[in-house]
Amino acid sequence: MQEIVPVLTLVGFALLLWLLLVRPQARRQRELARMQSSLEVGDEVMLTSGVFGIVRTLDDTVAQVEIADGVTIRVARAAVGQVVPGDERPDDAPTADGEAPEEN
């Protein structure tokens, strides 16, 4: 019996570690991959570097993102960190139709 307790403790610790660290990270990676695969032209995105822009073209591994009027950069599709809802865009970001925001 005394030999089983340390083994059960170790197994319990490994299970707890898996539940608290490994499983949530795997879920986040799956959600990110799902979002990146569902990107569409015209989506407003934030790259992992913090740059905001609008997706102009897509292919399997590359996206072209317009970050300013007439300035389009080519990035790996995996560099897209999130799709930004319209109400969370920075004030100076171009809109989905490419127009600069109106000045108040």
C-alpha atoms as a PDB file:
ATOM      1  CA  MET A   1       0.000   0.000   0.000  1.00  0.00           C
ATOM      2  CA  GLN A   2       2.812   2.402   0.824  1.00  0.00           C
ATOM      3  CA  GLU A   3       4.295   1.857  -2.645  1.00  0.00           C
ATOM      4  CA  ILE A   4       1.044   2.799  -4.400  1.00  0.00           C
ATOM      5  CA  VAL A   5       0.513   6.189  -2.691  1.00  0.00           C
ATOM      6  CA  PRO A   6       3.500   7.969  -4.349  1.00  0.00           C
ATOM      7  CA  VAL A   7       2.470   6.564  -7.730  1.00  0.00           C
ATOM      8  CA  LEU A   8      -1.120   7.764  -7.285  1.00  0.00           C
ATOM      9  CA  THR A   9       0.129  11.165  -6.165  1.00  0.00           C
ATOM     10  CA  LEU A  10       2.312  11.451  -9.254  1.00  0.00           C
ATOM     11  CA  VAL A  11      -0.540  10.353 -11.545  1.00  0.00           C
ATOM     12  CA  GLY A  12      -2.894  12.830  -9.855  1.00  0.00           C
ATOM     13  CA  PHE A  13      -0.377  15.649 -10.267  1.00  0.00           C
ATOM     14  CA  ALA A  14       0.138  14.810 -13.967  1.00  0.00           C
ATOM     15  CA  LEU A  15      -3.640  14.758 -14.510  1.00  0.00           C
ATOM     16  CA  LEU A  16      -4.043  18.122 -12.778  1.00  0.00           C
ATOM     17  CA  LEU A  17      -1.224  19.612 -14.846  1.00  0.00           C
ATOM     18  CA  TRP A  18      -2.849  18.343 -18.044  1.00  0.00           C
ATOM     19  CA  LEU A  19      -6.274  19.736 -17.064  1.00  0.00           C
ATOM     20  CA  LEU A  20      -4.951  23.166 -16.085  1.00  0.00           C
ATOM     21  CA  LEU A  21      -2.254  23.775 -18.712  1.00  0.00           C
ATOM     22  CA  VAL A  22      -2.222  21.468 -21.707  1.00  0.00           C
ATOM     23  CA  ARG A  23      -5.933  21.185 -22.456  1.00  0.00           C
ATOM     24  CA  PRO A  24      -6.760  24.942 -22.430  1.00  0.00           C
ATOM     25  CA  GLN A  25      -3.723  25.740 -24.605  1.00  0.00           C
ATOM     26  CA  ALA A  26      -4.736  23.116 -27.158  1.00  0.00           C
ATOM     27  CA  ARG A  27      -8.272  24.552 -27.231  1.00  0.00           C
ATOM     28  CA  ARG A  28      -6.918  28.080 -27.838  1.00  0.00           C
ATOM     29  CA  GLN A  29      -4.738  26.803 -30.691  1.00  0.00           C
ATOM     30  CA  ARG A  30      -7.704  25.027 -32.304  1.00  0.00           C
ATOM     31  CA  GLU A  31      -9.851  28.181 -32.065  1.00  0.00           C
ATOM     32  CA  LEU A  32      -7.070  30.327 -33.576  1.00  0.00           C
ATOM     33  CA  ALA A  33      -6.569  27.871 -36.447  1.00  0.00           C
ATOM     34  CA  ARG A  34     -10.339  27.814 -37.067  1.00  0.00           C
ATOM     35  CA  MET A  35     -10.469  31.635 -37.149  1.00  0.00           C
ATOM     36  CA  GLN A  36      -7.481  31.830 -39.512  1.00  0.00           C
ATOM     37  CA  SER A  37      -9.008  29.292 -41.884  1.00  0.00           C
ATOM     38  CA  SER A  38     -12.339  31.142 -41.956  1.00  0.00           C
ATOM     39  CA  LEU A  39     -10.867  34.531 -42.908  1.00  0.00           C
ATOM     40  CA  GLU A  40     -12.575  36.324 -45.768  1.00  0.00           C
ATOM     41  CA  VAL A  41     -11.631  39.220 -48.009  1.00  0.00           C
ATOM     42  CA  GLY A  42     -12.827  42.442 -46.363  1.00  0.00           C
ATOM     43  CA  ASP A  43     -12.372  41.249 -42.771  1.00  0.00           C
ATOM     44  CA  GLU A  44     -10.799  43.762 -40.438  1.00  0.00           C
ATOM     45  CA  VAL A  45      -7.965  42.037 -38.602  1.00  0.00           C
ATOM     46  CA  MET A  46      -5.224  42.616 -36.085  1.00  0.00           C
ATOM     47  CA  LEU A  47      -1.949  40.855 -36.818  1.00  0.00           C
ATOM     48  CA  THR A  48       0.038  39.224 -34.024  1.00  0.00           C
ATOM     49  CA  SER A  49       2.419  42.195 -34.236  1.00  0.00           C
ATOM     50  CA  GLY A  50      -0.435  44.563 -33.321  1.00  0.00           C
ATOM     51  CA  VAL A  51      -0.866  46.030 -36.817  1.00  0.00           C
ATOM     52  CA  PHE A  52      -4.494  46.626 -37.853  1.00  0.00           C
ATOM     53  CA  GLY A  53      -5.680  46.281 -41.430  1.00  0.00           C
ATOM     54  CA  ILE A  54      -8.184  44.877 -43.891  1.00  0.00           C
ATOM     55  CA  VAL A  55      -7.750  41.581 -45.723  1.00  0.00           C
ATOM     56  CA  ARG A  56      -7.582  42.297 -49.465  1.00  0.00           C
ATOM     57  CA  THR A  57      -6.565  38.891 -50.900  1.00  0.00           C
ATOM     58  CA  LEU A  58      -6.163  35.414 -49.479  1.00  0.00           C
ATOM     59  CA  ASP A  59      -4.559  32.178 -50.508  1.00  0.00           C
ATOM     60  CA  ASP A  60      -3.792  29.005 -48.567  1.00  0.00           C
ATOM     61  CA  THR A  61      -0.838  30.359 -46.596  1.00  0.00           C
ATOM     62  CA  VAL A  62      -0.589  34.077 -47.442  1.00  0.00           C
ATOM     63  CA  ALA A  63      -2.849  37.075 -46.901  1.00  0.00           C
ATOM     64  CA  GLN A  64      -2.457  40.567 -48.281  1.00  0.00           C
ATOM     65  CA  VAL A  65      -3.532  43.114 -45.692  1.00  0.00           C
ATOM     66  CA  GLU A  66      -4.095  46.800 -46.420  1.00  0.00           C
ATOM     67  CA  ILE A  67      -2.724  48.766 -43.474  1.00  0.00           C
ATOM     68  CA  ALA A  68      -3.164  52.255 -44.963  1.00  0.00           C
ATOM     69  CA  ASP A  69      -4.537  53.742 -48.180  1.00  0.00           C
ATOM     70  CA  GLY A  70      -2.574  52.093 -50.968  1.00  0.00           C
ATOM     71  CA  VAL A  71      -0.235  50.256 -48.563  1.00  0.00           C
ATOM     72  CA  THR A  72      -0.711  46.508 -48.713  1.00  0.00           C
ATOM     73  CA  ILE A  73       1.579  44.057 -46.965  1.00  0.00           C
ATOM     74  CA  ARG A  74       1.930  40.350 -47.614  1.00  0.00           C
ATOM     75  CA  VAL A  75       1.856  38.272 -44.417  1.00  0.00           C
ATOM     76  CA  ALA A  76       1.577  34.640 -43.466  1.00  0.00           C
ATOM     77  CA  ARG A  77      -2.027  33.735 -42.779  1.00  0.00           C
ATOM     78  CA  ALA A  78      -0.856  32.498 -39.357  1.00  0.00           C
ATOM     79  CA  ALA A  79       0.178  36.081 -38.517  1.00  0.00           C
ATOM     80  CA  VAL A  80      -3.486  37.082 -38.185  1.00  0.00           C
ATOM     81  CA  GLY A  81      -4.141  37.200 -34.459  1.00  0.00           C
ATOM     82  CA  GLN A  82      -7.812  38.105 -34.466  1.00  0.00           C
ATOM     83  CA  VAL A  83     -10.688  39.445 -36.523  1.00  0.00           C
ATOM     84  CA  VAL A  84     -11.616  42.865 -35.148  1.00  0.00           C
ATOM     85  CA  PRO A  85     -15.294  43.782 -34.806  1.00  0.00           C
ATOM     86  CA  GLY A  86     -16.107  47.173 -36.313  1.00  0.00           C
ATOM     87  CA  ASP A  87     -16.627  48.862 -32.924  1.00  0.00           C
ATOM     88  CA  GLU A  88     -13.131  47.866 -31.706  1.00  0.00           C
ATOM     89  CA  ARG A  89     -11.192  49.348 -34.644  1.00  0.00           C
ATOM     90  CA  PRO A  90      -8.707  52.084 -33.848  1.00  0.00           C
ATOM     91  CA  ASP A  91      -9.974  55.536 -34.868  1.00  0.00           C
ATOM     92  CA  ASP A  92      -7.478  55.974 -37.721  1.00  0.00           C
ATOM     93  CA  ALA A  93      -7.897  52.508 -39.283  1.00  0.00           C
ATOM     94  CA  PRO A  94      -9.433  52.375 -42.767  1.00  0.00           C
ATOM     95  CA  THR A  95     -12.946  50.994 -43.017  1.00  0.00           C
ATOM     96  CA  ALA A  96     -13.825  47.785 -44.860  1.00  0.00           C
ATOM     97  CA  ASP A  97     -14.552  49.749 -48.055  1.00  0.00           C
ATOM     98  CA  GLY A  98     -11.060  51.289 -47.946  1.00  0.00           C
ATOM     99  CA  GLU A  99     -12.198  54.749 -46.948  1.00  0.00           C
ATOM    100  CA  ALA A 100     -10.499  56.681 -44.191  1.00  0.00           C
ATOM    101  CA  PRO A 101     -12.742  57.436 -41.210  1.00  0.00           C
ATOM    102  CA  GLU A 102     -14.574  60.733 -41.214  1.00  0.00           C
ATOM    103  CA  GLU A 103     -13.155  63.573 -39.165  1.00  0.00           C
ATOM    104  CA  ASN A 104     -15.482  65.054 -36.521  1.00  0.00           C
END
